[in-house]
Amino acid sequence: MKDAVITNIIRSQIVEDYLYFFENKEYDDVIGLFSDECSITDWNVGRIHGKDNVARFFSELFESVGDIEADITHIHEDLSGALTCEMVLQIDSETMLVADIFEFDNEDKIKALRAYKGS
């Protein structure tokens, strides 16, 4: 149990780092957090698999938007290793409630990110 708690602390910091890099459109830092066999599921584009495709997704997203602001309201740490981050996300003039579910590999790289948009 102690190892799971320590792992979740590390992974919570990775989620916070991801959101910081995401807000600041720090492309290389965002991509560096993902495993080679990663995937993203997003409400706009569906499922994207593979680091090259995920990198292209972030590149196109960062080029297409101006300001990004993510305010974390809660991070739920599951002892299985998955983390859910609830946030208020503002992209340009659109404000939305979002829940991101992160899964990690054994090296604490993001292997899956599923983003869900609320109303």
N, C-alpha and C. Protein backbone atom coordinates (compact mmCIF):
# COMPACT_ATOMS: atom_id res chain seq x y z
N MET A 1 0.83 -1.19 0.00
CA MET A 1 0.00 0.00 0.00
C MET A 1 0.87 1.26 0.00
N LYS A 2 1.97 1.23 0.78
CA LYS A 2 2.86 2.39 0.86
C LYS A 2 3.44 2.72 -0.52
N ASP A 3 3.83 1.68 -1.28
CA ASP A 3 4.37 1.91 -2.61
C ASP A 3 3.33 2.55 -3.53
N ALA A 4 2.07 2.12 -3.41
CA ALA A 4 1.00 2.69 -4.24
C ALA A 4 0.78 4.16 -3.91
N VAL A 5 0.87 4.52 -2.66
CA VAL A 5 0.70 5.92 -2.25
C VAL A 5 1.84 6.77 -2.81
N ILE A 6 3.06 6.28 -2.72
CA ILE A 6 4.22 7.02 -3.25
C ILE A 6 4.09 7.16 -4.76
N THR A 7 3.70 6.08 -5.43
CA THR A 7 3.51 6.13 -6.88
C THR A 7 2.46 7.16 -7.25
N ASN A 8 1.35 7.21 -6.51
CA ASN A 8 0.30 8.18 -6.81
C ASN A 8 0.76 9.62 -6.57
N ILE A 9 1.61 9.84 -5.59
CA ILE A 9 2.16 11.19 -5.37
C ILE A 9 3.00 11.59 -6.58
N ILE A 10 3.84 10.69 -7.05
CA ILE A 10 4.66 10.96 -8.24
C ILE A 10 3.76 11.24 -9.44
N ARG A 11 2.75 10.41 -9.63
CA ARG A 11 1.87 10.55 -10.79
C ARG A 11 1.00 11.80 -10.69
N SER A 12 0.60 12.20 -9.50
CA SER A 12 -0.13 13.45 -9.32
C SER A 12 0.72 14.63 -9.76
N GLN A 13 2.00 14.58 -9.44
CA GLN A 13 2.91 15.64 -9.87
C GLN A 13 3.06 15.65 -11.39
N ILE A 14 3.09 14.48 -11.99
CA ILE A 14 3.17 14.40 -13.45
C ILE A 14 1.93 15.03 -14.09
N VAL A 15 0.75 14.77 -13.51
CA VAL A 15 -0.48 15.39 -14.02
C VAL A 15 -0.40 16.91 -13.89
N GLU A 16 0.06 17.39 -12.75
CA GLU A 16 0.19 18.84 -12.57
C GLU A 16 1.21 19.42 -13.55
N ASP A 17 2.32 18.71 -13.76
CA ASP A 17 3.32 19.15 -14.74
C ASP A 17 2.69 19.19 -16.14
N TYR A 18 1.97 18.13 -16.49
CA TYR A 18 1.32 18.08 -17.80
C TYR A 18 0.44 19.31 -18.00
N LEU A 19 -0.40 19.63 -17.01
CA LEU A 19 -1.32 20.76 -17.17
C LEU A 19 -0.57 22.08 -17.25
N TYR A 20 0.52 22.21 -16.51
CA TYR A 20 1.35 23.42 -16.61
C TYR A 20 1.92 23.55 -18.01
N PHE A 21 2.51 22.47 -18.51
CA PHE A 21 3.08 22.49 -19.86
C PHE A 21 2.00 22.72 -20.91
N PHE A 22 0.82 22.11 -20.70
CA PHE A 22 -0.31 22.27 -21.62
C PHE A 22 -0.75 23.73 -21.67
N GLU A 23 -0.94 24.34 -20.50
CA GLU A 23 -1.35 25.75 -20.44
C GLU A 23 -0.37 26.67 -21.17
N ASN A 24 0.90 26.36 -21.03
CA ASN A 24 1.94 27.21 -21.60
C ASN A 24 2.38 26.76 -22.99
N LYS A 25 1.67 25.77 -23.53
CA LYS A 25 1.93 25.23 -24.86
C LYS A 25 3.40 24.87 -25.04
N GLU A 26 3.95 24.21 -24.02
CA GLU A 26 5.34 23.75 -24.06
C GLU A 26 5.36 22.35 -24.67
N TYR A 27 5.36 22.35 -25.99
CA TYR A 27 5.18 21.14 -26.79
C TYR A 27 6.15 20.03 -26.40
N ASP A 28 7.46 20.30 -26.39
CA ASP A 28 8.44 19.25 -26.10
C ASP A 28 8.25 18.66 -24.71
N ASP A 29 7.91 19.50 -23.74
CA ASP A 29 7.72 19.01 -22.38
C ASP A 29 6.46 18.15 -22.27
N VAL A 30 5.39 18.55 -22.96
CA VAL A 30 4.17 17.75 -22.96
C VAL A 30 4.46 16.38 -23.56
N ILE A 31 5.08 16.35 -24.74
CA ILE A 31 5.34 15.09 -25.44
C ILE A 31 6.28 14.20 -24.62
N GLY A 32 7.21 14.80 -23.90
CA GLY A 32 8.14 14.04 -23.09
C GLY A 32 7.49 13.26 -21.96
N LEU A 33 6.27 13.61 -21.59
CA LEU A 33 5.56 12.90 -20.52
C LEU A 33 4.86 11.63 -21.00
N PHE A 34 4.76 11.45 -22.32
CA PHE A 34 4.01 10.33 -22.89
C PHE A 34 4.93 9.17 -23.26
N SER A 35 4.40 7.95 -23.11
CA SER A 35 5.13 6.75 -23.52
C SER A 35 5.07 6.62 -25.04
N ASP A 36 5.90 5.76 -25.60
CA ASP A 36 5.92 5.56 -27.04
C ASP A 36 4.61 4.93 -27.54
N GLU A 37 4.00 4.09 -26.74
CA GLU A 37 2.75 3.41 -27.11
C GLU A 37 1.57 4.06 -26.41
N CYS A 38 1.42 5.36 -26.56
CA CYS A 38 0.38 6.10 -25.85
C CYS A 38 -0.85 6.29 -26.72
N SER A 39 -1.91 6.72 -26.07
CA SER A 39 -3.13 7.07 -26.80
C SER A 39 -3.83 8.23 -26.09
N ILE A 40 -4.59 8.96 -26.88
CA ILE A 40 -5.43 10.03 -26.35
C ILE A 40 -6.82 9.82 -26.91
N THR A 41 -7.81 10.00 -26.06
CA THR A 41 -9.20 10.02 -26.50
C THR A 41 -9.74 11.39 -26.11
N ASP A 42 -10.27 12.11 -27.09
CA ASP A 42 -10.71 13.48 -26.90
C ASP A 42 -12.10 13.64 -27.52
N TRP A 43 -12.92 14.51 -26.96
CA TRP A 43 -14.29 14.68 -27.44
C TRP A 43 -14.35 15.24 -28.85
N ASN A 44 -13.31 15.89 -29.33
CA ASN A 44 -13.33 16.46 -30.68
C ASN A 44 -12.79 15.52 -31.75
N VAL A 45 -11.79 14.71 -31.40
CA VAL A 45 -11.09 13.93 -32.43
C VAL A 45 -11.21 12.42 -32.26
N GLY A 46 -11.85 11.97 -31.21
CA GLY A 46 -11.93 10.53 -30.97
C GLY A 46 -10.63 10.00 -30.39
N ARG A 47 -10.25 8.77 -30.79
CA ARG A 47 -9.06 8.12 -30.23
C ARG A 47 -7.89 8.25 -31.19
N ILE A 48 -6.75 8.62 -30.62
CA ILE A 48 -5.50 8.76 -31.37
C ILE A 48 -4.50 7.82 -30.70
N HIS A 49 -3.80 7.00 -31.50
CA HIS A 49 -2.86 6.04 -30.93
C HIS A 49 -1.47 6.26 -31.51
N GLY A 50 -0.46 6.12 -30.65
CA GLY A 50 0.94 6.23 -31.07
C GLY A 50 1.49 7.61 -30.78
N LYS A 51 2.74 7.66 -30.35
CA LYS A 51 3.34 8.92 -29.92
C LYS A 51 3.43 9.93 -31.06
N ASP A 52 3.72 9.49 -32.28
CA ASP A 52 3.79 10.43 -33.41
C ASP A 52 2.44 11.10 -33.65
N ASN A 53 1.37 10.32 -33.58
CA ASN A 53 0.03 10.88 -33.78
C ASN A 53 -0.39 11.79 -32.63
N VAL A 54 -0.04 11.39 -31.40
CA VAL A 54 -0.32 12.22 -30.24
C VAL A 54 0.45 13.54 -30.35
N ALA A 55 1.71 13.46 -30.77
CA ALA A 55 2.53 14.67 -30.95
C ALA A 55 1.90 15.59 -31.99
N ARG A 56 1.42 15.04 -33.07
CA ARG A 56 0.76 15.83 -34.11
C ARG A 56 -0.50 16.49 -33.56
N PHE A 57 -1.26 15.76 -32.74
CA PHE A 57 -2.47 16.31 -32.11
C PHE A 57 -2.13 17.56 -31.30
N PHE A 58 -1.10 17.46 -30.44
CA PHE A 58 -0.73 18.61 -29.61
C PHE A 58 -0.18 19.76 -30.45
N SER A 59 0.61 19.45 -31.46
CA SER A 59 1.16 20.49 -32.33
C SER A 59 0.03 21.27 -32.99
N GLU A 60 -0.92 20.56 -33.56
CA GLU A 60 -2.04 21.22 -34.23
C GLU A 60 -2.91 21.99 -33.26
N LEU A 61 -3.14 21.42 -32.08
CA LEU A 61 -3.95 22.11 -31.07
C LEU A 61 -3.27 23.40 -30.63
N PHE A 62 -1.99 23.32 -30.29
CA PHE A 62 -1.29 24.50 -29.80
C PHE A 62 -1.21 25.60 -30.86
N GLU A 63 -1.12 25.21 -32.13
CA GLU A 63 -1.09 26.20 -33.21
C GLU A 63 -2.45 26.83 -33.44
N SER A 64 -3.53 26.12 -33.11
CA SER A 64 -4.87 26.59 -33.45
C SER A 64 -5.55 27.43 -32.37
N VAL A 65 -4.96 27.47 -31.17
CA VAL A 65 -5.60 28.22 -30.08
C VAL A 65 -4.65 29.29 -29.54
N GLY A 66 -5.26 30.27 -28.87
CA GLY A 66 -4.47 31.32 -28.23
C GLY A 66 -4.16 30.96 -26.79
N ASP A 67 -5.03 31.40 -25.90
CA ASP A 67 -4.81 31.19 -24.47
C ASP A 67 -5.42 29.89 -23.98
N ILE A 68 -4.70 29.24 -23.06
CA ILE A 68 -5.19 28.04 -22.39
C ILE A 68 -5.01 28.24 -20.90
N GLU A 69 -6.06 27.97 -20.14
CA GLU A 69 -5.95 28.03 -18.68
C GLU A 69 -6.69 26.84 -18.09
N ALA A 70 -6.01 26.09 -17.24
CA ALA A 70 -6.60 24.92 -16.59
C ALA A 70 -6.52 25.10 -15.08
N ASP A 71 -7.68 25.15 -14.45
CA ASP A 71 -7.76 25.26 -13.00
C ASP A 71 -8.24 23.94 -12.43
N ILE A 72 -7.34 23.22 -11.77
CA ILE A 72 -7.65 21.91 -11.19
C ILE A 72 -8.60 22.11 -10.02
N THR A 73 -9.70 21.36 -10.03
CA THR A 73 -10.62 21.39 -8.90
C THR A 73 -10.45 20.17 -8.00
N HIS A 74 -9.98 19.05 -8.62
CA HIS A 74 -9.79 17.83 -7.82
C HIS A 74 -8.96 16.83 -8.61
N ILE A 75 -8.08 16.15 -7.91
CA ILE A 75 -7.38 15.00 -8.49
C ILE A 75 -7.73 13.78 -7.64
N HIS A 76 -8.31 12.80 -8.29
CA HIS A 76 -8.66 11.55 -7.61
C HIS A 76 -7.59 10.53 -7.95
N GLU A 77 -6.97 9.97 -6.91
CA GLU A 77 -5.89 9.01 -7.09
C GLU A 77 -6.39 7.61 -6.77
N ASP A 78 -6.47 6.79 -7.78
CA ASP A 78 -6.92 5.41 -7.64
C ASP A 78 -5.72 4.54 -7.29
N LEU A 79 -5.86 3.63 -6.36
CA LEU A 79 -4.75 2.78 -5.96
C LEU A 79 -4.30 1.84 -7.08
N SER A 80 -5.11 1.72 -8.14
CA SER A 80 -4.69 0.91 -9.29
C SER A 80 -3.68 1.65 -10.16
N GLY A 81 -3.52 2.95 -9.92
CA GLY A 81 -2.55 3.73 -10.67
C GLY A 81 -3.15 4.74 -11.63
N ALA A 82 -4.45 4.69 -11.86
CA ALA A 82 -5.10 5.68 -12.72
C ALA A 82 -5.42 6.92 -11.91
N LEU A 83 -5.29 8.08 -12.53
CA LEU A 83 -5.64 9.34 -11.87
C LEU A 83 -6.68 10.06 -12.71
N THR A 84 -7.64 10.65 -12.03
CA THR A 84 -8.65 11.47 -12.68
C THR A 84 -8.48 12.90 -12.20
N CYS A 85 -8.39 13.80 -13.15
CA CYS A 85 -8.21 15.22 -12.84
C CYS A 85 -9.45 15.97 -13.32
N GLU A 86 -10.16 16.57 -12.38
CA GLU A 86 -11.30 17.42 -12.72
C GLU A 86 -10.80 18.85 -12.77
N MET A 87 -11.25 19.60 -13.78
CA MET A 87 -10.76 20.97 -13.92
C MET A 87 -11.78 21.84 -14.64
N VAL A 88 -11.56 23.14 -14.49
CA VAL A 88 -12.23 24.11 -15.33
C VAL A 88 -11.19 24.52 -16.36
N LEU A 89 -11.50 24.26 -17.62
CA LEU A 89 -10.57 24.51 -18.72
C LEU A 89 -11.10 25.67 -19.55
N GLN A 90 -10.24 26.63 -19.77
CA GLN A 90 -10.61 27.74 -20.65
C GLN A 90 -9.64 27.76 -21.82
N ILE A 91 -10.20 27.65 -23.01
CA ILE A 91 -9.41 27.75 -24.23
C ILE A 91 -9.99 28.92 -25.01
N ASP A 92 -9.16 29.93 -25.15
CA ASP A 92 -9.60 31.19 -25.73
C ASP A 92 -10.83 31.68 -24.94
N SER A 93 -11.97 31.83 -25.57
CA SER A 93 -13.14 32.37 -24.86
C SER A 93 -14.09 31.28 -24.37
N GLU A 94 -13.78 30.02 -24.61
CA GLU A 94 -14.65 28.92 -24.20
C GLU A 94 -14.22 28.35 -22.85
N THR A 95 -15.15 28.32 -21.90
CA THR A 95 -14.90 27.74 -20.59
C THR A 95 -15.72 26.46 -20.47
N MET A 96 -15.07 25.39 -20.00
CA MET A 96 -15.75 24.10 -19.90
C MET A 96 -15.26 23.32 -18.70
N LEU A 97 -16.12 22.43 -18.23
CA LEU A 97 -15.72 21.48 -17.19
C LEU A 97 -15.16 20.26 -17.91
N VAL A 98 -14.00 19.80 -17.44
CA VAL A 98 -13.33 18.68 -18.10
C VAL A 98 -12.84 17.70 -17.04
N ALA A 99 -12.93 16.43 -17.36
CA ALA A 99 -12.32 15.38 -16.55
C ALA A 99 -11.34 14.63 -17.44
N ASP A 100 -10.08 14.60 -17.03
CA ASP A 100 -9.04 13.85 -17.73
C ASP A 100 -8.70 12.63 -16.90
N ILE A 101 -8.70 11.48 -17.53
CA ILE A 101 -8.30 10.24 -16.87
C ILE A 101 -6.95 9.84 -17.44
N PHE A 102 -5.97 9.68 -16.56
CA PHE A 102 -4.60 9.35 -16.93
C PHE A 102 -4.28 7.94 -16.50
N GLU A 103 -3.69 7.16 -17.41
CA GLU A 103 -3.13 5.86 -17.08
C GLU A 103 -1.64 5.92 -17.39
N PHE A 104 -0.85 5.22 -16.60
CA PHE A 104 0.61 5.29 -16.70
C PHE A 104 1.21 3.93 -16.96
N ASP A 105 2.41 3.94 -17.57
CA ASP A 105 3.15 2.70 -17.72
C ASP A 105 4.06 2.50 -16.50
N ASN A 106 4.88 1.49 -16.53
CA ASN A 106 5.75 1.18 -15.38
C ASN A 106 6.86 2.20 -15.16
N GLU A 107 7.09 3.06 -16.14
CA GLU A 107 8.11 4.10 -16.01
C GLU A 107 7.50 5.46 -15.70
N ASP A 108 6.23 5.45 -15.29
CA ASP A 108 5.48 6.67 -14.96
C ASP A 108 5.34 7.63 -16.13
N LYS A 109 5.29 7.08 -17.33
CA LYS A 109 4.96 7.85 -18.53
C LYS A 109 3.46 7.67 -18.78
N ILE A 110 2.83 8.69 -19.34
CA ILE A 110 1.40 8.62 -19.64
C ILE A 110 1.20 7.67 -20.82
N LYS A 111 0.44 6.60 -20.57
CA LYS A 111 0.17 5.65 -21.67
C LYS A 111 -1.22 5.86 -22.25
N ALA A 112 -2.12 6.47 -21.48
CA ALA A 112 -3.45 6.78 -22.00
C ALA A 112 -3.99 8.02 -21.30
N LEU A 113 -4.57 8.89 -22.08
CA LEU A 113 -5.25 10.08 -21.56
C LEU A 113 -6.60 10.13 -22.24
N ARG A 114 -7.65 10.09 -21.41
CA ARG A 114 -9.02 10.19 -21.91
C ARG A 114 -9.63 11.47 -21.36
N ALA A 115 -10.04 12.36 -22.25
CA ALA A 115 -10.57 13.66 -21.85
C ALA A 115 -12.08 13.69 -22.11
N TYR A 116 -12.83 14.09 -21.09
CA TYR A 116 -14.28 14.17 -21.19
C TYR A 116 -14.73 15.57 -20.85
N LYS A 117 -15.59 16.10 -21.71
CA LYS A 117 -16.10 17.45 -21.54
C LYS A 117 -17.49 17.40 -20.92
N GLY A 118 -17.68 18.16 -19.86
CA GLY A 118 -18.99 18.27 -19.22
C GLY A 118 -19.77 19.41 -19.83
N SER A 119 -20.92 19.65 -19.25
CA SER A 119 -21.77 20.74 -19.78
C SER A 119 -21.51 22.04 -19.06
